[in-house]
PDB file of N, CA and C in Angstrom:
ATOM      1  N   UNK A   1      94.071 144.595-243.531  1.00  0.00           N
ATOM      2  CA  UNK A   1      94.634 145.100-242.218  1.00  0.00           C
ATOM      3  C   UNK A   1      94.143 144.086-240.734  1.00  0.00           C
ATOM      4  N   UNK A   2      95.602 143.649-240.501  1.00  0.00           N
ATOM      5  CA  UNK A   2      95.386 142.857-239.069  1.00  0.00           C
ATOM      6  C   UNK A   2      94.128 143.083-238.058  1.00  0.00           C
ATOM      7  N   UNK A   3      93.822 142.463-237.251  1.00  0.00           N
ATOM      8  CA  UNK A   3      93.013 142.310-236.801  1.00  0.00           C
ATOM      9  C   UNK A   3      93.532 142.723-235.622  1.00  0.00           C
ATOM     10  N   UNK A   4      94.245 142.595-234.844  1.00  0.00           N
ATOM     11  CA  UNK A   4      95.177 143.114-233.807  1.00  0.00           C
ATOM     12  C   UNK A   4      96.108 144.651-234.357  1.00  0.00           C
ATOM     13  N   UNK A   5      96.520 145.074-233.190  1.00  0.00           N
ATOM     14  CA  UNK A   5      97.557 145.909-233.841  1.00  0.00           C
ATOM     15  C   UNK A   5      99.163 145.684-233.494  1.00  0.00           C
ATOM     16  N   UNK A   6      98.990 144.794-233.012  1.00  0.00           N
ATOM     17  CA  UNK A   6     100.345 143.830-232.252  1.00  0.00           C
ATOM     18  C   UNK A   6     100.921 143.408-233.340  1.00  0.00           C
ATOM     19  N   UNK A   7     102.239 142.663-233.333  1.00  0.00           N
ATOM     20  CA  UNK A   7     103.173 141.338-233.839  1.00  0.00           C
ATOM     21  C   UNK A   7     103.976 141.531-233.277  1.00  0.00           C
ATOM     22  N   UNK A   8     104.397 140.204-233.436  1.00  0.00           N
ATOM     23  CA  UNK A   8     105.734 139.570-232.884  1.00  0.00           C
ATOM     24  C   UNK A   8     106.066 138.872-233.299  1.00  0.00           C
ATOM     25  N   UNK A   9     107.632 139.278-233.667  1.00  0.00           N
ATOM     26  CA  UNK A   9     108.244 139.109-234.782  1.00  0.00           C
ATOM     27  C   UNK A   9     109.776 138.267-233.971  1.00  0.00           C
ATOM     28  N   UNK A  10     110.557 136.912-234.477  1.00  0.00           N
ATOM     29  CA  UNK A  10     111.516 136.868-233.639  1.00  0.00           C
ATOM     30  C   UNK A  10     112.626 136.916-235.101  1.00  0.00           C
ATOM     31  N   UNK A  11     113.770 137.447-235.127  1.00  0.00           N
ATOM     32  CA  UNK A  11     115.045 137.927-235.018  1.00  0.00           C
ATOM     33  C   UNK A  11     116.036 137.324-235.728  1.00  0.00           C
ATOM     34  N   UNK A  12     115.812 136.711-236.596  1.00  0.00           N
ATOM     35  CA  UNK A  12     116.640 135.847-237.920  1.00  0.00           C
ATOM     36  C   UNK A  12     117.718 135.966-237.907  1.00  0.00           C
ATOM     37  N   UNK A  13     118.523 137.284-238.306  1.00  0.00           N
ATOM     38  CA  UNK A  13     120.098 137.934-238.740  1.00  0.00           C
ATOM     39  C   UNK A  13     120.783 138.761-237.400  1.00  0.00           C
ATOM     40  N   UNK A  14     121.669 139.000-237.951  1.00  0.00           N
ATOM     41  CA  UNK A  14     122.548 139.713-236.896  1.00  0.00           C
ATOM     42  C   UNK A  14     122.973 141.522-237.749  1.00  0.00           C
ATOM     43  N   UNK A  15     122.311 141.878-238.501  1.00  0.00           N
ATOM     44  CA  UNK A  15     122.128 143.125-239.342  1.00  0.00           C
ATOM     45  C   UNK A  15     121.376 144.922-238.500  1.00  0.00           C
ATOM     46  N   UNK A  16     121.173 143.797-237.235  1.00  0.00           N
ATOM     47  CA  UNK A  16     120.842 145.045-236.522  1.00  0.00           C
ATOM     48  C   UNK A  16     121.801 145.075-234.994  1.00  0.00           C
ATOM     49  N   UNK A  17     122.677 144.043-235.326  1.00  0.00           N
ATOM     50  CA  UNK A  17     123.197 144.050-233.638  1.00  0.00           C
ATOM     51  C   UNK A  17     123.841 145.530-233.991  1.00  0.00           C
ATOM     52  N   UNK A  18     124.130 146.372-232.518  1.00  0.00           N
ATOM     53  CA  UNK A  18     124.113 145.813-230.971  1.00  0.00           C
ATOM     54  C   UNK A  18     122.867 145.917-230.308  1.00  0.00           C
ATOM     55  N   UNK A  19     121.989 146.458-231.099  1.00  0.00           N
ATOM     56  CA  UNK A  19     121.195 147.061-231.137  1.00  0.00           C
ATOM     57  C   UNK A  19     119.918 145.937-230.758  1.00  0.00           C
ATOM     58  N   UNK A  20     119.470 145.571-231.713  1.00  0.00           N
ATOM     59  CA  UNK A  20     118.663 143.707-231.755  1.00  0.00           C
ATOM     60  C   UNK A  20     119.352 143.189-232.328  1.00  0.00           C
ATOM     61  N   UNK A  21     119.562 141.958-231.982  1.00  0.00           N
ATOM     62  CA  UNK A  21     120.354 140.537-232.147  1.00  0.00           C
ATOM     63  C   UNK A  21     119.223 139.272-232.582  1.00  0.00           C
ATOM     64  N   UNK A  22     119.876 138.361-233.469  1.00  0.00           N
ATOM     65  CA  UNK A  22     119.336 136.835-233.765  1.00  0.00           C
ATOM     66  C   UNK A  22     118.838 136.351-232.448  1.00  0.00           C
ATOM     67  N   UNK A  23     117.912 136.025-232.492  1.00  0.00           N
ATOM     68  CA  UNK A  23     117.497 135.491-231.255  1.00  0.00           C
ATOM     69  C   UNK A  23     116.226 136.390-230.735  1.00  0.00           C
ATOM     70  N   UNK A  24     116.680 137.699-230.724  1.00  0.00           N
ATOM     71  CA  UNK A  24     115.485 138.712-229.654  1.00  0.00           C
ATOM     72  C   UNK A  24     114.209 138.456-230.825  1.00  0.00           C
ATOM     73  N   UNK A  25     112.781 138.591-229.670  1.00  0.00           N
ATOM     74  CA  UNK A  25     111.680 138.685-230.287  1.00  0.00           C
ATOM     75  C   UNK A  25     111.465 140.709-230.080  1.00  0.00           C
ATOM     76  N   UNK A  26     110.956 140.885-231.358  1.00  0.00           N
ATOM     77  CA  UNK A  26     110.421 142.065-231.437  1.00  0.00           C
ATOM     78  C   UNK A  26     108.910 142.548-231.665  1.00  0.00           C
ATOM     79  N   UNK A  27     108.392 143.336-231.213  1.00  0.00           N
ATOM     80  CA  UNK A  27     106.631 143.532-231.026  1.00  0.00           C
ATOM     81  C   UNK A  27     107.030 144.896-232.099  1.00  0.00           C
ATOM     82  N   UNK A  28     105.466 144.779-233.687  1.00  0.00           N
ATOM     83  CA  UNK A  28     105.738 145.465-233.442  1.00  0.00           C
ATOM     84  C   UNK A  28     104.082 146.244-233.978  1.00  0.00           C
ATOM     85  N   UNK A  29     104.299 147.206-234.265  1.00  0.00           N
ATOM     86  CA  UNK A  29     102.545 147.750-234.353  1.00  0.00           C
ATOM     87  C   UNK A  29     102.480 148.166-235.900  1.00  0.00           C
ATOM     88  N   UNK A  30     101.783 147.033-235.886  1.00  0.00           N
ATOM     89  CA  UNK A  30     101.236 147.351-237.893  1.00  0.00           C
ATOM     90  C   UNK A  30      99.979 147.702-238.249  1.00  0.00           C
ATOM     91  N   UNK A  31      99.392 148.621-237.639  1.00  0.00           N
ATOM     92  CA  UNK A  31      98.473 149.181-237.883  1.00  0.00           C
ATOM     93  C   UNK A  31      99.393 151.095-238.051  1.00  0.00           C
ATOM     94  N   UNK A  32     100.473 151.215-237.550  1.00  0.00           N
ATOM     95  CA  UNK A  32     100.980 152.249-237.245  1.00  0.00           C
ATOM     96  C   UNK A  32     101.254 152.476-239.591  1.00  0.00           C
ATOM     97  N   UNK A  33     101.163 153.605-239.711  1.00  0.00           N
ATOM     98  CA  UNK A  33     101.268 153.830-240.985  1.00  0.00           C
ATOM     99  C   UNK A  33     102.416 155.117-241.155  1.00  0.00           C
ATOM    100  N   UNK A  34     102.508 155.870-240.275  1.00  0.00           N
ATOM    101  CA  UNK A  34     103.661 156.523-240.030  1.00  0.00           C
ATOM    102  C   UNK A  34     104.805 156.653-239.339  1.00  0.00           C
ATOM    103  N   UNK A  35     106.443 156.812-240.619  1.00  0.00           N
ATOM    104  CA  UNK A  35     106.927 156.804-239.998  1.00  0.00           C
ATOM    105  C   UNK A  35     108.252 157.917-240.366  1.00  0.00           C
ATOM    106  N   UNK A  36     108.737 157.568-239.718  1.00  0.00           N
ATOM    107  CA  UNK A  36     110.136 159.134-239.298  1.00  0.00           C
ATOM    108  C   UNK A  36     111.029 157.796-239.643  1.00  0.00           C
ATOM    109  N   UNK A  37     112.211 159.009-239.980  1.00  0.00           N
ATOM    110  CA  UNK A  37     113.990 158.472-240.029  1.00  0.00           C
ATOM    111  C   UNK A  37     113.771 158.853-238.642  1.00  0.00           C
ATOM    112  N   UNK A  38     114.733 157.183-238.043  1.00  0.00           N
ATOM    113  CA  UNK A  38     115.591 156.945-237.475  1.00  0.00           C
ATOM    114  C   UNK A  38     114.378 155.637-236.931  1.00  0.00           C
ATOM    115  N   UNK A  39     112.976 155.815-236.655  1.00  0.00           N
ATOM    116  CA  UNK A  39     112.564 153.937-236.876  1.00  0.00           C
ATOM    117  C   UNK A  39     112.571 152.570-237.026  1.00  0.00           C
ATOM    118  N   UNK A  40     113.122 152.134-236.918  1.00  0.00           N
ATOM    119  CA  UNK A  40     112.641 150.344-236.704  1.00  0.00           C
ATOM    120  C   UNK A  40     111.578 150.003-237.191  1.00  0.00           C
ATOM    121  N   UNK A  41     111.680 149.241-237.964  1.00  0.00           N
ATOM    122  CA  UNK A  41     110.698 148.700-238.829  1.00  0.00           C
ATOM    123  C   UNK A  41     110.940 147.116-239.425  1.00  0.00           C
ATOM    124  N   UNK A  42     109.573 146.387-239.441  1.00  0.00           N
ATOM    125  CA  UNK A  42     109.941 145.602-239.855  1.00  0.00           C
ATOM    126  C   UNK A  42     109.066 145.367-241.679  1.00  0.00           C
ATOM    127  N   UNK A  43     109.687 144.776-242.419  1.00  0.00           N
ATOM    128  CA  UNK A  43     109.373 145.022-243.819  1.00  0.00           C
ATOM    129  C   UNK A  43     109.695 143.241-244.020  1.00  0.00           C
ATOM    130  N   UNK A  44     108.671 143.304-245.577  1.00  0.00           N
ATOM    131  CA  UNK A  44     109.190 142.677-246.910  1.00  0.00           C
ATOM    132  C   UNK A  44     110.027 143.192-247.570  1.00  0.00           C
ATOM    133  N   UNK A  45     111.026 141.968-247.783  1.00  0.00           N
ATOM    134  CA  UNK A  45     112.398 142.384-248.865  1.00  0.00           C
ATOM    135  C   UNK A  45     111.418 142.304-250.121  1.00  0.00           C
ATOM    136  N   UNK A  46     111.689 143.015-251.007  1.00  0.00           N
ATOM    137  CA  UNK A  46     111.549 143.714-252.180  1.00  0.00           C
ATOM    138  C   UNK A  46     111.447 142.468-252.593  1.00  0.00           C
ATOM    139  N   UNK A  47     112.450 141.783-253.342  1.00  0.00           N
ATOM    140  CA  UNK A  47     112.315 140.977-254.129  1.00  0.00           C
ATOM    141  C   UNK A  47     112.469 138.465-253.532  1.00  0.00           C
ATOM    142  N   UNK A  48     112.798 139.010-251.901  1.00  0.00           N
ATOM    143  CA  UNK A  48     112.368 137.595-251.550  1.00  0.00           C
ATOM    144  C   UNK A  48     111.682 137.382-250.777  1.00  0.00           C
ATOM    145  N   UNK A  49     110.669 136.075-251.224  1.00  0.00           N
ATOM    146  CA  UNK A  49     109.982 135.840-249.902  1.00  0.00           C
ATOM    147  C   UNK A  49     110.514 135.857-248.515  1.00  0.00           C
ATOM    148  N   UNK A  50     111.006 136.675-247.868  1.00  0.00           N
ATOM    149  CA  UNK A  50     111.395 136.945-246.503  1.00  0.00           C
ATOM    150  C   UNK A  50     111.329 138.003-245.734  1.00  0.00           C
ATOM    151  N   UNK A  51     111.160 138.588-244.128  1.00  0.00           N
ATOM    152  CA  UNK A  51     110.685 139.622-244.193  1.00  0.00           C
ATOM    153  C   UNK A  51     112.255 139.809-242.955  1.00  0.00           C
ATOM    154  N   UNK A  52     112.384 141.336-242.924  1.00  0.00           N
ATOM    155  CA  UNK A  52     113.566 141.735-242.400  1.00  0.00           C
ATOM    156  C   UNK A  52     113.430 143.010-241.449  1.00  0.00           C
ATOM    157  N   UNK A  53     114.438 143.294-240.888  1.00  0.00           N
ATOM    158  CA  UNK A  53     114.001 143.927-239.560  1.00  0.00           C
ATOM    159  C   UNK A  53     115.061 145.032-239.923  1.00  0.00           C
ATOM    160  N   UNK A  54     115.331 146.633-240.016  1.00  0.00           N
ATOM    161  CA  UNK A  54     115.617 147.979-240.827  1.00  0.00           C
ATOM    162  C   UNK A  54     115.164 149.249-240.040  1.00  0.00           C
ATOM    163  N   UNK A  55     116.759 149.866-240.177  1.00  0.00           N
ATOM    164  CA  UNK A  55     115.797 150.937-239.336  1.00  0.00           C
ATOM    165  C   UNK A  55     115.731 152.711-240.874  1.00  0.00           C
ATOM    166  N   UNK A  56     114.932 153.137-240.445  1.00  0.00           N
ATOM    167  CA  UNK A  56     114.104 153.923-241.837  1.00  0.00           C
ATOM    168  C   UNK A  56     115.760 154.767-241.686  1.00  0.00           C
ATOM    169  N   UNK A  57     116.704 154.992-243.010  1.00  0.00           N
ATOM    170  CA  UNK A  57     117.669 156.027-242.772  1.00  0.00           C
ATOM    171  C   UNK A  57     117.254 157.207-243.387  1.00  0.00           C
ATOM    172  N   UNK A  58     116.057 157.288-244.557  1.00  0.00           N
ATOM    173  CA  UNK A  58     115.578 158.870-245.066  1.00  0.00           C
ATOM    174  C   UNK A  58     114.297 158.643-245.700  1.00  0.00           C
ATOM    175  N   UNK A  59     113.723 159.482-246.038  1.00  0.00           N
ATOM    176  CA  UNK A  59     112.590 158.611-246.791  1.00  0.00           C
ATOM    177  C   UNK A  59     112.596 160.059-247.904  1.00  0.00           C
ATOM    178  N   UNK A  60     112.448 159.707-248.774  1.00  0.00           N
ATOM    179  CA  UNK A  60     112.285 160.658-250.128  1.00  0.00           C
ATOM    180  C   UNK A  60     111.088 160.294-251.603  1.00  0.00           C
ATOM    181  N   UNK A  61     110.537 161.481-251.533  1.00  0.00           N
ATOM    182  CA  UNK A  61     109.402 160.892-252.514  1.00  0.00           C
ATOM    183  C   UNK A  61     108.699 160.009-251.928  1.00  0.00           C
ATOM    184  N   UNK A  62     108.217 160.063-250.687  1.00  0.00           N
ATOM    185  CA  UNK A  62     106.975 158.889-250.444  1.00  0.00           C
ATOM    186  C   UNK A  62     107.901 157.855-250.088  1.00  0.00           C
ATOM    187  N   UNK A  63     108.809 156.811-250.320  1.00  0.00           N
ATOM    188  CA  UNK A  63     109.955 156.007-250.845  1.00  0.00           C
ATOM    189  C   UNK A  63     111.028 155.936-249.365  1.00  0.00           C
ATOM    190  N   UNK A  64     111.280 154.730-248.821  1.00  0.00           N
ATOM    191  CA  UNK A  64     112.310 154.468-247.733  1.00  0.00           C
ATOM    192  C   UNK A  64     113.283 154.324-248.078  1.00  0.00           C
ATOM    193  N   UNK A  65     114.835 154.692-247.560  1.00  0.00           N
ATOM    194  CA  UNK A  65     115.859 154.228-247.446  1.00  0.00           C
ATOM    195  C   UNK A  65     116.154 153.412-246.211  1.00  0.00           C
ATOM    196  N   UNK A  66     116.263 152.447-246.092  1.00  0.00           N
ATOM    197  CA  UNK A  66     116.374 151.223-244.906  1.00  0.00           C
ATOM    198  C   UNK A  66     118.346 151.018-245.201  1.00  0.00           C
ATOM    199  N   UNK A  67     117.950 150.560-243.658  1.00  0.00           N
ATOM    200  CA  UNK A  67     119.570 150.176-243.338  1.00  0.00           C
ATOM    201  C   UNK A  67     120.039 149.472-242.229  1.00  0.00           C
ATOM    202  N   UNK A  68     120.658 148.794-242.126  1.00  0.00           N
ATOM    203  CA  UNK A  68     120.542 147.811-241.118  1.00  0.00           C
ATOM    204  C   UNK A  68     121.925 148.822-240.091  1.00  0.00           C
ATOM    205  N   UNK A  69     122.300 148.578-238.561  1.00  0.00           N
ATOM    206  CA  UNK A  69     122.800 149.439-237.611  1.00  0.00           C
ATOM    207  C   UNK A  69     123.727 148.893-238.018  1.00  0.00           C
ATOM    208  N   UNK A  70     123.882 146.965-238.207  1.00  0.00           N
ATOM    209  CA  UNK A  70     125.412 146.113-238.175  1.00  0.00           C
ATOM    210  C   UNK A  70     125.316 146.599-240.164  1.00  0.00           C
ATOM    211  N   UNK A  71     126.249 148.183-240.274  1.00  0.00           N
ATOM    212  CA  UNK A  71     126.170 147.882-241.965  1.00  0.00           C
ATOM    213  C   UNK A  71     127.250 146.946-242.537  1.00  0.00           C
ATOM    214  N   UNK A  72     127.955 146.557-242.056  1.00  0.00           N
ATOM    215  CA  UNK A  72     128.745 145.154-242.501  1.00  0.00           C
ATOM    216  C   UNK A  72     128.492 144.067-242.800  1.00  0.00           C
ATOM    217  N   UNK A  73     127.161 143.803-242.231  1.00  0.00           N
ATOM    218  CA  UNK A  73     126.597 142.724-242.395  1.00  0.00           C
ATOM    219  C   UNK A  73     124.888 142.648-242.118  1.00  0.00           C
ATOM    220  N   UNK A  74     124.437 143.485-243.333  1.00  0.00           N
ATOM    221  CA  UNK A  74     123.385 144.353-243.471  1.00  0.00           C
ATOM    222  C   UNK A  74     122.806 144.262-244.976  1.00  0.00           C
ATOM    223  N   UNK A  75     121.686 143.288-245.603  1.00  0.00           N
ATOM    224  CA  UNK A  75     121.733 143.369-247.052  1.00  0.00           C
ATOM    225  C   UNK A  75     120.416 144.263-246.412  1.00  0.00           C
ATOM    226  N   UNK A  76     120.330 145.661-247.472  1.00  0.00           N
ATOM    227  CA  UNK A  76     119.372 147.123-247.070  1.00  0.00           C
ATOM    228  C   UNK A  76     119.256 147.622-248.270  1.00  0.00           C
ATOM    229  N   UNK A  77     118.730 148.836-248.087  1.00  0.00           N
ATOM    230  CA  UNK A  77     118.690 149.209-249.677  1.00  0.00           C
ATOM    231  C   UNK A  77     119.780 149.544-250.248  1.00  0.00           C
ATOM    232  N   UNK A  78     121.103 149.574-249.489  1.00  0.00           N
ATOM    233  CA  UNK A  78     121.881 149.916-250.751  1.00  0.00           C
ATOM    234  C   UNK A  78     122.369 148.755-251.243  1.00  0.00           C
ATOM    235  N   UNK A  79     121.582 147.768-251.439  1.00  0.00           N
ATOM    236  CA  UNK A  79     121.402 146.496-252.431  1.00  0.00           C
ATOM    237  C   UNK A  79     120.589 147.095-253.003  1.00  0.00           C
ATOM    238  N   UNK A  80     119.179 146.731-252.742  1.00  0.00           N
ATOM    239  CA  UNK A  80     117.776 146.652-252.871  1.00  0.00           C
ATOM    240  C   UNK A  80     117.431 148.085-253.634  1.00  0.00           C
ATOM    241  N   UNK A  81     118.044 148.998-253.074  1.00  0.00           N
ATOM    242  CA  UNK A  81     117.029 150.631-253.430  1.00  0.00           C
ATOM    243  C   UNK A  81     116.016 150.859-252.614  1.00  0.00           C
ATOM    244  N   UNK A  82     115.697 151.911-252.743  1.00  0.00           N
ATOM    245  CA  UNK A  82     114.301 152.354-252.064  1.00  0.00           C
ATOM    246  C   UNK A  82     113.537 151.337-251.636  1.00  0.00           C
ATOM    247  N   UNK A  83     112.155 151.614-250.949  1.00  0.00           N
ATOM    248  CA  UNK A  83     111.331 150.669-250.612  1.00  0.00           C
ATOM    249  C   UNK A  83     109.359 151.418-250.631  1.00  0.00           C
ATOM    250  N   UNK A  84     109.132 151.054-251.592  1.00  0.00           N
ATOM    251  CA  UNK A  84     107.333 151.217-251.253  1.00  0.00           C
ATOM    252  C   UNK A  84     107.415 151.374-249.690  1.00  0.00           C
ATOM    253  N   UNK A  85     106.497 152.263-248.981  1.00  0.00           N
ATOM    254  CA  UNK A  85     105.387 152.060-248.379  1.00  0.00           C
ATOM    255  C   UNK A  85     104.872 150.575-248.656  1.00  0.00           C
ATOM    256  N   UNK A  86     104.223 150.510-249.012  1.00  0.00           N
ATOM    257  CA  UNK A  86     103.178 148.832-248.867  1.00  0.00           C
ATOM    258  C   UNK A  86     104.340 147.858-248.539  1.00  0.00           C
ATOM    259  N   UNK A  87     105.526 147.890-248.764  1.00  0.00           N
ATOM    260  CA  UNK A  87     106.582 146.461-248.020  1.00  0.00           C
ATOM    261  C   UNK A  87     106.851 146.650-246.593  1.00  0.00           C
ATOM    262  N   UNK A  88     106.256 147.850-246.198  1.00  0.00           N
ATOM    263  CA  UNK A  88     106.492 147.645-244.312  1.00  0.00           C
ATOM    264  C   UNK A  88     105.388 147.229-243.461  1.00  0.00           C
ATOM    265  N   UNK A  89     105.716 146.157-242.894  1.00  0.00           N
ATOM    266  CA  UNK A  89     105.330 145.722-241.977  1.00  0.00           C
ATOM    267  C   UNK A  89     104.229 146.370-241.000  1.00  0.00           C
ATOM    268  N   UNK A  90     105.206 146.882-240.083  1.00  0.00           N
ATOM    269  CA  UNK A  90     105.533 147.688-238.772  1.00  0.00           C
ATOM    270  C   UNK A  90     105.934 148.387-237.828  1.00  0.00           C
ATOM    271  N   UNK A  91     106.276 148.888-237.380  1.00  0.00           N
ATOM    272  CA  UNK A  91     107.795 150.133-236.862  1.00  0.00           C
ATOM    273  C   UNK A  91     107.373 149.396-235.027  1.00  0.00           C
ATOM    274  N   UNK A  92     108.919 148.998-235.441  1.00  0.00           N
ATOM    275  CA  UNK A  92     109.033 147.759-233.968  1.00  0.00           C
ATOM    276  C   UNK A  92     108.389 148.713-232.681  1.00  0.00           C
ATOM    277  N   UNK A  93     107.882 148.761-231.270  1.00  0.00           N
ATOM    278  CA  UNK A  93     108.229 148.938-230.235  1.00  0.00           C
ATOM    279  C   UNK A  93     108.819 149.157-229.455  1.00  0.00           C
ATOM    280  N   UNK A  94     108.936 147.621-229.041  1.00  0.00           N
ATOM    281  CA  UNK A  94     109.419 147.077-227.824  1.00  0.00           C
ATOM    282  C   UNK A  94     110.411 145.756-228.618  1.00  0.00           C
ATOM    283  N   UNK A  95     111.574 145.674-228.051  1.00  0.00           N
ATOM    284  CA  UNK A  95     112.279 144.185-228.075  1.00  0.00           C
ATOM    285  C   UNK A  95     112.582 143.241-226.432  1.00  0.00           C
ATOM    286  N   UNK A  96     112.641 142.557-226.853  1.00  0.00           N
ATOM    287  CA  UNK A  96     113.134 141.278-225.620  1.00  0.00           C
ATOM    288  C   UNK A  96     113.913 140.250-226.118  1.00  0.00           C
ATOM    289  N   UNK A  97     115.920 140.752-225.345  1.00  0.00           N
ATOM    290  CA  UNK A  97     116.184 139.313-225.737  1.00  0.00           C
ATOM    291  C   UNK A  97     116.089 138.443-225.140  1.00  0.00           C
ATOM    292  N   UNK A  98     117.376 137.390-226.314  1.00  0.00           N
ATOM    293  CA  UNK A  98     116.896 135.618-225.738  1.00  0.00           C
ATOM    294  C   UNK A  98     117.990 135.622-224.439  1.00  0.00           C
TER     295      UNK A  98
END
């Protein structure tokens, strides 16, 4: 568990546009473990050593289906399937544009 509940992440792609753009910064609550449909979360990619920012599209059987707001330019659950909750790093609570 992290020592501080909030962590800053820099967005590195276009998958959440127009709501969150490449170069924006987001603040995530990494202690949050309760997620709902519609929440934006930072997560670990299930097969690559990268982090992503996605929106929870639905929750089924304790697993999370995530999708980017920019569906034409997003690698998400449509590509890698449902996520185990352990892959979610935290819930985005604030963003700052560049």
